Each structure stands twice: as structure tokens, then as C-alpha cells.
Amino acid sequence: MLKPIVRFLIRIKLTANHITIFGLLLGILSALFVYLNNTILALVLLYISGICDILDGNMAIEKGMSSPLGTLMDISFDRIIEVSIILAIAFRTPEYMPIMLLLLASIVISISIFLTVGILVSKESHKSFFYATGIMERTESFILFSLLIIFPKYIFIIGLIGALLILITGLQRFLWALKQFS
């Protein structure tokens, strides 16, 4: 389904990194609209950003050009978008700042484990970085952020459930690594 789009983008001389940067800009713009309480525009920009996240990887694979820089940008920019959305929610609804801080902390813990496992494991995947999977992946994160944006009255419970699921993901990856390195 995405192959024609990927081939078109390659044909007009765009690179995977161009699409990654464009996705980052859209994600940050989405956060601005979260803060301004424009739910529809925030979601549309967030989803287009997510499509860019899919397209960039497909472009890199199609051209056989996965790179350390692409991996760095992909992982870093995903977190920048997540942090931007969380901060936008926290500043728009300061009464939920503690739960947003908990959500941020869970992401820091989980991504630290993810990155450490990725560095230590010598296995390769189709990406240029070993990817230990867990219960909260990119798709589930988009669902979490969508729910936080759409249902502001339920930010506390959605944020709490999200933080727990992210911590469970970190624990899954840690336990997987424990088995590998024991």
C-alpha cells in the first residue's frame, strides 16, 4: 500500500532523512495544537507525523540505505514528539502535571532499557539497531496519545494506565536481556 508513495518520494529525490525531519516538524506542530486545544488539527498532524515515521523506514529499506544517522534520528525524534505532546498536555492542564511527569519518567526508564539492550545485543534486524519488542510499541503509543488528546477529562486514568504499560514494556525488555546475558 505504501510502496507507490515510497517510490514516488524516492523518484522526486527525497531521502528517508528528509521524511524523518518532516515528521518531527509535524509532530512538534501537533503538540502546539494540543496546547491550543485544537484536537482535530493536533490529531491530524500527529497521524501524518506517524505516517512519515513509517515511510522513512520503508524508504531506507527500499533503497538499501538504513544508516546509523537514520536510526539516531528515528529514535530521538520519536521521543521529542512524545515529550512535546506530554508537555503540551501538562501546560494546558496543569492539574494533570504530576501524571504527565510520571508518564515522562516511565518513558525515560523504558527507553533507557531499550537503548541499553539494543547496544548490548549483537543480533541484527531489518533496522540498523536491535529492536527488543514489548507491549507498548509505536502504534500503542499513538493510541495512548490520541486518547490523552481526545479525552481530556480522563487524562489522569489514561496517563496512569499508559505509564504502567510503558513500565511493563521496560520490564519485559529487561527480563528478556536478563535471560540473554545470564
N, C-alpha and C. Protein backbone atom coordinates (compact mmCIF):
# COMPACT_ATOMS: atom_id res chain seq x y z
N MET A 1 0.82 -1.19 0.00
CA MET A 1 0.00 0.00 0.00
C MET A 1 0.87 1.26 0.00
N LEU A 2 1.97 1.24 0.75
CA LEU A 2 2.84 2.41 0.82
C LEU A 2 3.91 2.43 -0.27
N LYS A 3 4.11 1.28 -0.94
CA LYS A 3 5.19 1.20 -1.94
C LYS A 3 5.09 2.27 -3.01
N PRO A 4 3.89 2.55 -3.56
CA PRO A 4 3.84 3.62 -4.58
C PRO A 4 4.24 4.99 -4.02
N ILE A 5 3.86 5.27 -2.78
CA ILE A 5 4.23 6.54 -2.16
C ILE A 5 5.74 6.58 -1.93
N VAL A 6 6.28 5.49 -1.42
CA VAL A 6 7.73 5.40 -1.18
C VAL A 6 8.49 5.61 -2.48
N ARG A 7 8.06 4.93 -3.53
CA ARG A 7 8.76 5.06 -4.82
C ARG A 7 8.64 6.47 -5.38
N PHE A 8 7.47 7.10 -5.19
CA PHE A 8 7.28 8.48 -5.64
C PHE A 8 8.23 9.42 -4.90
N LEU A 9 8.31 9.27 -3.58
CA LEU A 9 9.18 10.13 -2.79
C LEU A 9 10.64 9.97 -3.19
N ILE A 10 11.03 8.73 -3.47
CA ILE A 10 12.40 8.46 -3.92
C ILE A 10 12.63 9.08 -5.31
N ARG A 11 11.64 8.94 -6.17
CA ARG A 11 11.75 9.47 -7.53
C ARG A 11 11.91 10.99 -7.55
N ILE A 12 11.29 11.69 -6.59
CA ILE A 12 11.42 13.16 -6.56
C ILE A 12 12.62 13.59 -5.71
N LYS A 13 13.49 12.61 -5.44
CA LYS A 13 14.79 12.87 -4.79
C LYS A 13 14.71 13.20 -3.30
N LEU A 14 13.63 12.80 -2.64
CA LEU A 14 13.59 12.93 -1.19
C LEU A 14 14.26 11.72 -0.58
N THR A 15 14.88 11.92 0.57
CA THR A 15 15.53 10.81 1.27
C THR A 15 14.70 10.45 2.51
N ALA A 16 15.02 9.30 3.07
CA ALA A 16 14.35 8.89 4.31
C ALA A 16 14.57 9.95 5.40
N ASN A 17 15.77 10.51 5.46
CA ASN A 17 16.05 11.53 6.47
C ASN A 17 15.20 12.79 6.28
N HIS A 18 14.93 13.16 5.03
CA HIS A 18 14.03 14.29 4.78
C HIS A 18 12.66 14.02 5.38
N ILE A 19 12.15 12.83 5.16
CA ILE A 19 10.82 12.46 5.66
C ILE A 19 10.83 12.40 7.18
N THR A 20 11.92 11.91 7.77
CA THR A 20 12.05 11.85 9.22
C THR A 20 11.98 13.26 9.82
N ILE A 21 12.71 14.18 9.22
CA ILE A 21 12.72 15.58 9.71
C ILE A 21 11.33 16.21 9.54
N PHE A 22 10.70 15.97 8.40
CA PHE A 22 9.35 16.49 8.16
C PHE A 22 8.39 15.94 9.22
N GLY A 23 8.50 14.65 9.53
CA GLY A 23 7.66 14.04 10.56
C GLY A 23 7.87 14.68 11.92
N LEU A 24 9.13 14.98 12.24
CA LEU A 24 9.44 15.65 13.51
C LEU A 24 8.74 17.01 13.56
N LEU A 25 8.86 17.78 12.51
CA LEU A 25 8.24 19.11 12.48
C LEU A 25 6.73 19.02 12.64
N LEU A 26 6.12 18.05 11.96
CA LEU A 26 4.66 17.87 12.09
C LEU A 26 4.29 17.45 13.51
N GLY A 27 5.10 16.59 14.12
CA GLY A 27 4.83 16.14 15.49
C GLY A 27 4.90 17.28 16.49
N ILE A 28 5.90 18.14 16.32
CA ILE A 28 6.03 19.30 17.22
C ILE A 28 4.88 20.27 16.99
N LEU A 29 4.50 20.45 15.73
CA LEU A 29 3.36 21.31 15.42
C LEU A 29 2.07 20.73 16.02
N SER A 30 1.97 19.42 16.00
CA SER A 30 0.83 18.76 16.64
C SER A 30 0.76 19.12 18.12
N ALA A 31 1.91 19.11 18.78
CA ALA A 31 1.96 19.45 20.21
C ALA A 31 1.47 20.88 20.44
N LEU A 32 1.84 21.78 19.55
CA LEU A 32 1.37 23.16 19.66
C LEU A 32 -0.16 23.21 19.63
N PHE A 33 -0.74 22.43 18.71
CA PHE A 33 -2.20 22.42 18.61
C PHE A 33 -2.86 21.67 19.78
N VAL A 34 -2.13 20.73 20.38
CA VAL A 34 -2.63 20.12 21.63
C VAL A 34 -2.74 21.21 22.68
N TYR A 35 -1.67 22.00 22.81
CA TYR A 35 -1.65 23.07 23.80
C TYR A 35 -2.77 24.09 23.53
N LEU A 36 -3.02 24.38 22.26
CA LEU A 36 -4.06 25.35 21.90
C LEU A 36 -5.46 24.74 21.93
N ASN A 37 -5.52 23.45 22.30
CA ASN A 37 -6.79 22.72 22.44
C ASN A 37 -7.54 22.57 21.11
N ASN A 38 -6.81 22.45 20.03
CA ASN A 38 -7.39 22.18 18.72
C ASN A 38 -7.19 20.69 18.44
N THR A 39 -8.11 19.90 18.96
CA THR A 39 -7.99 18.44 18.95
C THR A 39 -7.86 17.87 17.54
N ILE A 40 -8.70 18.31 16.64
CA ILE A 40 -8.71 17.74 15.29
C ILE A 40 -7.37 17.99 14.59
N LEU A 41 -6.93 19.22 14.58
CA LEU A 41 -5.67 19.54 13.91
C LEU A 41 -4.50 18.84 14.60
N ALA A 42 -4.52 18.77 15.92
CA ALA A 42 -3.46 18.07 16.65
C ALA A 42 -3.39 16.61 16.23
N LEU A 43 -4.54 15.96 16.15
CA LEU A 43 -4.57 14.54 15.77
C LEU A 43 -4.15 14.33 14.32
N VAL A 44 -4.65 15.16 13.42
CA VAL A 44 -4.30 15.03 12.00
C VAL A 44 -2.78 15.16 11.83
N LEU A 45 -2.19 16.17 12.45
CA LEU A 45 -0.74 16.36 12.33
C LEU A 45 0.03 15.22 12.99
N LEU A 46 -0.46 14.74 14.13
CA LEU A 46 0.19 13.61 14.79
C LEU A 46 0.16 12.37 13.91
N TYR A 47 -0.98 12.10 13.27
CA TYR A 47 -1.08 10.91 12.42
C TYR A 47 -0.24 11.03 11.15
N ILE A 48 -0.20 12.23 10.57
CA ILE A 48 0.66 12.41 9.39
C ILE A 48 2.13 12.24 9.81
N SER A 49 2.48 12.73 10.99
CA SER A 49 3.81 12.51 11.53
C SER A 49 4.09 11.01 11.66
N GLY A 50 3.10 10.26 12.13
CA GLY A 50 3.25 8.81 12.26
C GLY A 50 3.42 8.12 10.92
N ILE A 51 2.70 8.62 9.91
CA ILE A 51 2.85 8.06 8.56
C ILE A 51 4.27 8.32 8.06
N CYS A 52 4.79 9.50 8.34
CA CYS A 52 6.18 9.81 7.96
C CYS A 52 7.13 8.83 8.64
N ASP A 53 6.83 8.46 9.89
CA ASP A 53 7.67 7.52 10.64
C ASP A 53 7.68 6.15 9.97
N ILE A 54 6.57 5.79 9.35
CA ILE A 54 6.50 4.51 8.62
C ILE A 54 7.21 4.65 7.27
N LEU A 55 6.94 5.76 6.59
CA LEU A 55 7.51 5.96 5.25
C LEU A 55 9.03 6.02 5.26
N ASP A 56 9.60 6.71 6.26
CA ASP A 56 11.06 6.87 6.26
C ASP A 56 11.78 5.52 6.34
N GLY A 57 11.27 4.65 7.20
CA GLY A 57 11.87 3.31 7.31
C GLY A 57 11.72 2.51 6.03
N ASN A 58 10.54 2.60 5.42
CA ASN A 58 10.31 1.89 4.16
C ASN A 58 11.20 2.44 3.05
N MET A 59 11.41 3.75 3.05
CA MET A 59 12.30 4.34 2.04
C MET A 59 13.72 3.85 2.23
N ALA A 60 14.18 3.81 3.48
CA ALA A 60 15.55 3.35 3.76
C ALA A 60 15.72 1.89 3.33
N ILE A 61 14.71 1.07 3.59
CA ILE A 61 14.78 -0.34 3.20
C ILE A 61 14.75 -0.47 1.68
N GLU A 62 13.84 0.26 1.04
CA GLU A 62 13.70 0.22 -0.43
C GLU A 62 15.01 0.57 -1.13
N LYS A 63 15.71 1.56 -0.61
CA LYS A 63 16.97 1.99 -1.22
C LYS A 63 18.18 1.24 -0.64
N GLY A 64 17.95 0.37 0.36
CA GLY A 64 19.06 -0.33 0.99
C GLY A 64 19.99 0.64 1.69
N MET A 65 19.40 1.68 2.32
CA MET A 65 20.22 2.75 2.88
C MET A 65 19.92 2.99 4.36
N SER A 66 19.60 1.94 5.10
CA SER A 66 19.47 2.11 6.55
C SER A 66 20.82 2.59 7.07
N SER A 67 20.78 3.54 8.00
CA SER A 67 22.05 4.10 8.46
C SER A 67 21.99 4.39 9.96
N PRO A 68 23.16 4.48 10.58
CA PRO A 68 23.19 4.88 12.00
C PRO A 68 22.54 6.25 12.22
N LEU A 69 22.77 7.19 11.30
CA LEU A 69 22.15 8.51 11.44
C LEU A 69 20.62 8.40 11.38
N GLY A 70 20.12 7.60 10.47
CA GLY A 70 18.68 7.40 10.37
C GLY A 70 18.11 6.79 11.64
N THR A 71 18.82 5.82 12.20
CA THR A 71 18.39 5.21 13.46
C THR A 71 18.38 6.24 14.58
N LEU A 72 19.45 7.02 14.67
CA LEU A 72 19.54 8.07 15.69
C LEU A 72 18.38 9.04 15.56
N MET A 73 18.14 9.51 14.35
CA MET A 73 17.05 10.46 14.12
C MET A 73 15.70 9.83 14.45
N ASP A 74 15.48 8.60 14.01
CA ASP A 74 14.19 7.93 14.22
C ASP A 74 13.88 7.81 15.71
N ILE A 75 14.80 7.25 16.46
CA ILE A 75 14.57 7.04 17.90
C ILE A 75 14.48 8.37 18.64
N SER A 76 15.38 9.28 18.35
CA SER A 76 15.39 10.58 19.05
C SER A 76 14.16 11.41 18.72
N PHE A 77 13.80 11.48 17.44
CA PHE A 77 12.68 12.32 17.04
C PHE A 77 11.36 11.78 17.57
N ASP A 78 11.23 10.44 17.63
CA ASP A 78 10.01 9.86 18.24
C ASP A 78 9.86 10.34 19.67
N ARG A 79 10.97 10.33 20.42
CA ARG A 79 10.90 10.78 21.83
C ARG A 79 10.64 12.28 21.92
N ILE A 80 11.22 13.06 21.03
CA ILE A 80 10.97 14.51 21.04
C ILE A 80 9.49 14.78 20.83
N ILE A 81 8.87 14.07 19.91
CA ILE A 81 7.44 14.25 19.67
C ILE A 81 6.64 13.85 20.90
N GLU A 82 6.96 12.70 21.48
CA GLU A 82 6.24 12.25 22.67
C GLU A 82 6.37 13.26 23.81
N VAL A 83 7.59 13.73 24.05
CA VAL A 83 7.81 14.71 25.12
C VAL A 83 7.05 15.99 24.81
N SER A 84 7.05 16.42 23.57
CA SER A 84 6.33 17.64 23.18
C SER A 84 4.84 17.53 23.47
N ILE A 85 4.27 16.39 23.12
CA ILE A 85 2.83 16.17 23.36
C ILE A 85 2.55 16.17 24.86
N ILE A 86 3.38 15.46 25.62
CA ILE A 86 3.18 15.38 27.07
C ILE A 86 3.30 16.77 27.71
N LEU A 87 4.31 17.53 27.30
CA LEU A 87 4.47 18.88 27.85
C LEU A 87 3.28 19.77 27.47
N ALA A 88 2.81 19.64 26.24
CA ALA A 88 1.65 20.44 25.81
C ALA A 88 0.43 20.13 26.68
N ILE A 89 0.20 18.85 26.97
CA ILE A 89 -0.92 18.46 27.83
C ILE A 89 -0.69 18.98 29.24
N ALA A 90 0.51 18.83 29.74
CA ALA A 90 0.82 19.28 31.11
C ALA A 90 0.63 20.78 31.29
N PHE A 91 1.06 21.56 30.31
CA PHE A 91 0.91 23.01 30.44
C PHE A 91 -0.51 23.49 30.13
N ARG A 92 -1.22 22.73 29.28
CA ARG A 92 -2.61 23.08 29.00
C ARG A 92 -3.50 22.75 30.20
N THR A 93 -3.17 21.67 30.90
CA THR A 93 -3.97 21.23 32.04
C THR A 93 -3.03 21.00 33.22
N PRO A 94 -2.62 22.07 33.90
CA PRO A 94 -1.61 21.95 34.97
C PRO A 94 -2.03 21.03 36.10
N GLU A 95 -3.32 20.83 36.28
CA GLU A 95 -3.76 19.92 37.34
C GLU A 95 -3.33 18.48 37.08
N TYR A 96 -2.96 18.17 35.81
CA TYR A 96 -2.51 16.83 35.46
C TYR A 96 -0.98 16.76 35.29
N MET A 97 -0.29 17.80 35.69
CA MET A 97 1.17 17.82 35.55
C MET A 97 1.81 16.61 36.26
N PRO A 98 1.41 16.25 37.48
CA PRO A 98 2.06 15.08 38.13
C PRO A 98 1.93 13.79 37.33
N ILE A 99 0.78 13.54 36.74
CA ILE A 99 0.63 12.29 35.98
C ILE A 99 1.42 12.37 34.67
N MET A 100 1.54 13.56 34.11
CA MET A 100 2.35 13.72 32.90
C MET A 100 3.84 13.53 33.23
N LEU A 101 4.27 13.97 34.42
CA LEU A 101 5.65 13.72 34.86
C LEU A 101 5.89 12.22 35.05
N LEU A 102 4.91 11.53 35.60
CA LEU A 102 5.02 10.07 35.75
C LEU A 102 5.11 9.40 34.38
N LEU A 103 4.33 9.87 33.43
CA LEU A 103 4.38 9.33 32.07
C LEU A 103 5.76 9.58 31.45
N LEU A 104 6.29 10.78 31.62
CA LEU A 104 7.64 11.08 31.13
C LEU A 104 8.69 10.18 31.78
N ALA A 105 8.58 10.02 33.09
CA ALA A 105 9.54 9.17 33.81
C ALA A 105 9.48 7.73 33.29
N SER A 106 8.29 7.23 33.04
CA SER A 106 8.16 5.85 32.54
C SER A 106 8.80 5.72 31.16
N ILE A 107 8.66 6.75 30.33
CA ILE A 107 9.29 6.73 29.01
C ILE A 107 10.81 6.74 29.14
N VAL A 108 11.33 7.57 30.03
CA VAL A 108 12.79 7.64 30.23
C VAL A 108 13.33 6.28 30.68
N ILE A 109 12.65 5.66 31.63
CA ILE A 109 13.09 4.36 32.13
C ILE A 109 13.04 3.31 31.02
N SER A 110 11.91 3.24 30.32
CA SER A 110 11.73 2.23 29.28
C SER A 110 12.70 2.43 28.12
N ILE A 111 12.88 3.68 27.67
CA ILE A 111 13.78 3.92 26.54
C ILE A 111 15.23 3.67 26.95
N SER A 112 15.57 3.91 28.21
CA SER A 112 16.93 3.62 28.67
C SER A 112 17.21 2.13 28.59
N ILE A 113 16.25 1.32 29.01
CA ILE A 113 16.41 -0.14 28.92
C ILE A 113 16.47 -0.56 27.45
N PHE A 114 15.56 -0.01 26.64
CA PHE A 114 15.50 -0.33 25.21
C PHE A 114 16.85 -0.04 24.54
N LEU A 115 17.39 1.13 24.79
CA LEU A 115 18.65 1.51 24.15
C LEU A 115 19.82 0.67 24.65
N THR A 116 19.83 0.40 25.95
CA THR A 116 20.91 -0.41 26.51
C THR A 116 20.88 -1.83 25.93
N VAL A 117 19.70 -2.42 25.86
CA VAL A 117 19.58 -3.75 25.27
C VAL A 117 20.01 -3.71 23.81
N GLY A 118 19.58 -2.69 23.09
CA GLY A 118 19.94 -2.56 21.68
C GLY A 118 21.44 -2.46 21.47
N ILE A 119 22.12 -1.80 22.37
CA ILE A 119 23.58 -1.65 22.27
C ILE A 119 24.27 -2.98 22.59
N LEU A 120 23.77 -3.67 23.60
CA LEU A 120 24.45 -4.86 24.09
C LEU A 120 24.22 -6.11 23.25
N VAL A 121 23.12 -6.16 22.55
CA VAL A 121 22.79 -7.36 21.78
C VAL A 121 23.40 -7.25 20.39
N SER A 122 24.02 -8.31 19.97
CA SER A 122 24.70 -8.25 18.67
C SER A 122 23.81 -8.71 17.52
N LYS A 123 22.58 -9.10 17.80
CA LYS A 123 21.67 -9.55 16.75
C LYS A 123 21.33 -8.38 15.83
N GLU A 124 20.95 -8.71 14.63
CA GLU A 124 20.54 -7.67 13.69
C GLU A 124 19.09 -7.90 13.30
N SER A 125 18.41 -6.81 13.02
CA SER A 125 17.07 -6.89 12.47
C SER A 125 17.09 -6.12 11.17
N HIS A 126 15.92 -5.89 10.57
CA HIS A 126 15.88 -5.12 9.33
C HIS A 126 16.24 -3.65 9.57
N LYS A 127 16.27 -3.26 10.82
CA LYS A 127 16.71 -1.90 11.16
C LYS A 127 18.20 -1.96 11.46
N SER A 128 18.81 -0.81 11.61
CA SER A 128 20.25 -0.80 11.89
C SER A 128 20.50 -0.88 13.40
N PHE A 129 19.49 -1.28 14.14
CA PHE A 129 19.57 -1.32 15.60
C PHE A 129 18.73 -2.49 16.07
N PHE A 130 19.21 -3.29 17.03
CA PHE A 130 18.40 -4.39 17.54
C PHE A 130 17.19 -3.83 18.26
N TYR A 131 16.05 -4.40 17.97
CA TYR A 131 14.79 -3.88 18.46
C TYR A 131 14.10 -4.92 19.34
N ALA A 132 14.23 -4.78 20.65
CA ALA A 132 13.54 -5.68 21.58
C ALA A 132 12.10 -5.19 21.72
N THR A 133 11.16 -6.03 21.33
CA THR A 133 9.75 -5.61 21.34
C THR A 133 9.16 -5.70 22.73
N GLY A 134 8.03 -5.04 22.90
CA GLY A 134 7.31 -5.04 24.17
C GLY A 134 5.85 -4.70 23.95
N ILE A 135 5.12 -4.60 25.02
CA ILE A 135 3.67 -4.38 24.94
C ILE A 135 3.32 -2.99 24.41
N MET A 136 4.16 -1.99 24.69
CA MET A 136 3.90 -0.62 24.22
C MET A 136 4.90 -0.27 23.13
N GLU A 137 4.46 -0.39 21.90
CA GLU A 137 5.29 -0.04 20.75
C GLU A 137 4.78 1.29 20.19
N ARG A 138 5.25 1.66 19.02
CA ARG A 138 4.89 2.96 18.44
C ARG A 138 3.37 3.08 18.20
N THR A 139 2.75 2.03 17.68
CA THR A 139 1.31 2.08 17.42
C THR A 139 0.53 2.29 18.71
N GLU A 140 0.89 1.55 19.75
CA GLU A 140 0.20 1.69 21.03
C GLU A 140 0.44 3.08 21.63
N SER A 141 1.61 3.63 21.39
CA SER A 141 1.88 4.99 21.86
C SER A 141 0.98 6.00 21.15
N PHE A 142 0.77 5.80 19.86
CA PHE A 142 -0.14 6.70 19.13
C PHE A 142 -1.55 6.59 19.68
N ILE A 143 -1.96 5.39 20.03
CA ILE A 143 -3.29 5.22 20.63
C ILE A 143 -3.34 5.93 21.97
N LEU A 144 -2.31 5.76 22.79
CA LEU A 144 -2.25 6.42 24.09
C LEU A 144 -2.34 7.93 23.94
N PHE A 145 -1.52 8.51 23.07
CA PHE A 145 -1.52 9.97 22.89
C PHE A 145 -2.84 10.46 22.30
N SER A 146 -3.41 9.67 21.41
CA SER A 146 -4.73 10.04 20.85
C SER A 146 -5.78 10.10 21.95
N LEU A 147 -5.79 9.10 22.82
CA LEU A 147 -6.76 9.08 23.91
C LEU A 147 -6.54 10.26 24.86
N LEU A 148 -5.28 10.57 25.15
CA LEU A 148 -4.98 11.72 26.02
C LEU A 148 -5.48 13.03 25.40
N ILE A 149 -5.36 13.14 24.08
CA ILE A 149 -5.78 14.35 23.38
C ILE A 149 -7.31 14.42 23.27
N ILE A 150 -7.94 13.31 22.95
CA ILE A 150 -9.39 13.29 22.70
C ILE A 150 -10.20 13.38 23.99
N PHE A 151 -9.71 12.77 25.06
CA PHE A 151 -10.48 12.70 26.31
C PHE A 151 -9.78 13.41 27.46
N PRO A 152 -9.74 14.74 27.45
CA PRO A 152 -9.02 15.47 28.49
C PRO A 152 -9.56 15.25 29.90
N LYS A 153 -10.82 14.88 30.03
CA LYS A 153 -11.38 14.63 31.37
C LYS A 153 -10.81 13.36 32.00
N TYR A 154 -10.23 12.51 31.16
CA TYR A 154 -9.73 11.22 31.64
C TYR A 154 -8.20 11.14 31.57
N ILE A 155 -7.55 12.30 31.51
CA ILE A 155 -6.09 12.32 31.40
C ILE A 155 -5.43 11.55 32.54
N PHE A 156 -5.93 11.69 33.75
CA PHE A 156 -5.29 11.03 34.89
C PHE A 156 -5.27 9.51 34.69
N ILE A 157 -6.42 8.91 34.42
CA ILE A 157 -6.50 7.45 34.32
C ILE A 157 -5.80 6.95 33.06
N ILE A 158 -5.95 7.67 31.94
CA ILE A 158 -5.28 7.27 30.71
C ILE A 158 -3.77 7.38 30.88
N GLY A 159 -3.31 8.47 31.48
CA GLY A 159 -1.88 8.66 31.72
C GLY A 159 -1.32 7.60 32.65
N LEU A 160 -2.07 7.28 33.71
CA LEU A 160 -1.63 6.26 34.66
C LEU A 160 -1.52 4.89 33.99
N ILE A 161 -2.55 4.52 33.23
CA ILE A 161 -2.51 3.24 32.51
C ILE A 161 -1.36 3.23 31.51
N GLY A 162 -1.19 4.34 30.79
CA GLY A 162 -0.09 4.43 29.84
C GLY A 162 1.27 4.27 30.50
N ALA A 163 1.46 4.96 31.63
CA ALA A 163 2.73 4.86 32.35
C ALA A 163 2.99 3.43 32.81
N LEU A 164 1.96 2.77 33.31
CA LEU A 164 2.11 1.38 33.76
C LEU A 164 2.47 0.46 32.59
N LEU A 165 1.79 0.63 31.47
CA LEU A 165 2.08 -0.20 30.30
C LEU A 165 3.49 0.04 29.78
N ILE A 166 3.93 1.28 29.81
CA ILE A 166 5.30 1.60 29.36
C ILE A 166 6.31 0.98 30.32
N LEU A 167 6.04 1.04 31.62
CA LEU A 167 6.94 0.41 32.59
C LEU A 167 6.96 -1.11 32.43
N ILE A 168 5.81 -1.70 32.15
CA ILE A 168 5.75 -3.15 31.88
C ILE A 168 6.60 -3.48 30.66
N THR A 169 6.54 -2.64 29.64
CA THR A 169 7.37 -2.84 28.45
C THR A 169 8.85 -2.81 28.81
N GLY A 170 9.24 -1.83 29.62
CA GLY A 170 10.63 -1.77 30.08
C GLY A 170 11.01 -3.03 30.83
N LEU A 171 10.12 -3.49 31.69
CA LEU A 171 10.38 -4.72 32.45
C LEU A 171 10.50 -5.93 31.52
N GLN A 172 9.62 -6.01 30.50
CA GLN A 172 9.71 -7.11 29.53
C GLN A 172 11.09 -7.13 28.88
N ARG A 173 11.54 -5.98 28.45
CA ARG A 173 12.84 -5.89 27.77
C ARG A 173 13.98 -6.22 28.74
N PHE A 174 13.85 -5.76 29.97
CA PHE A 174 14.89 -6.05 30.97
C PHE A 174 14.96 -7.55 31.24
N LEU A 175 13.81 -8.19 31.41
CA LEU A 175 13.79 -9.63 31.68
C LEU A 175 14.31 -10.42 30.49
N TRP A 176 13.98 -9.98 29.27
CA TRP A 176 14.49 -10.63 28.07
C TRP A 176 16.02 -10.55 28.07
N ALA A 177 16.55 -9.36 28.36
CA ALA A 177 18.00 -9.16 28.38
C ALA A 177 18.64 -10.00 29.50
N LEU A 178 17.97 -10.09 30.64
CA LEU A 178 18.48 -10.88 31.75
C LEU A 178 18.69 -12.33 31.32
N LYS A 179 17.74 -12.87 30.58
CA LYS A 179 17.86 -14.25 30.06
C LYS A 179 19.03 -14.34 29.07
N GLN A 180 19.18 -13.34 28.21
CA GLN A 180 20.23 -13.37 27.20
C GLN A 180 21.63 -13.28 27.79
N PHE A 181 21.77 -12.51 28.84
CA PHE A 181 23.09 -12.21 29.39
C PHE A 181 23.45 -13.06 30.60
N SER A 182 22.56 -13.93 31.02
CA SER A 182 22.86 -14.78 32.19
C SER A 182 23.61 -16.02 31.79
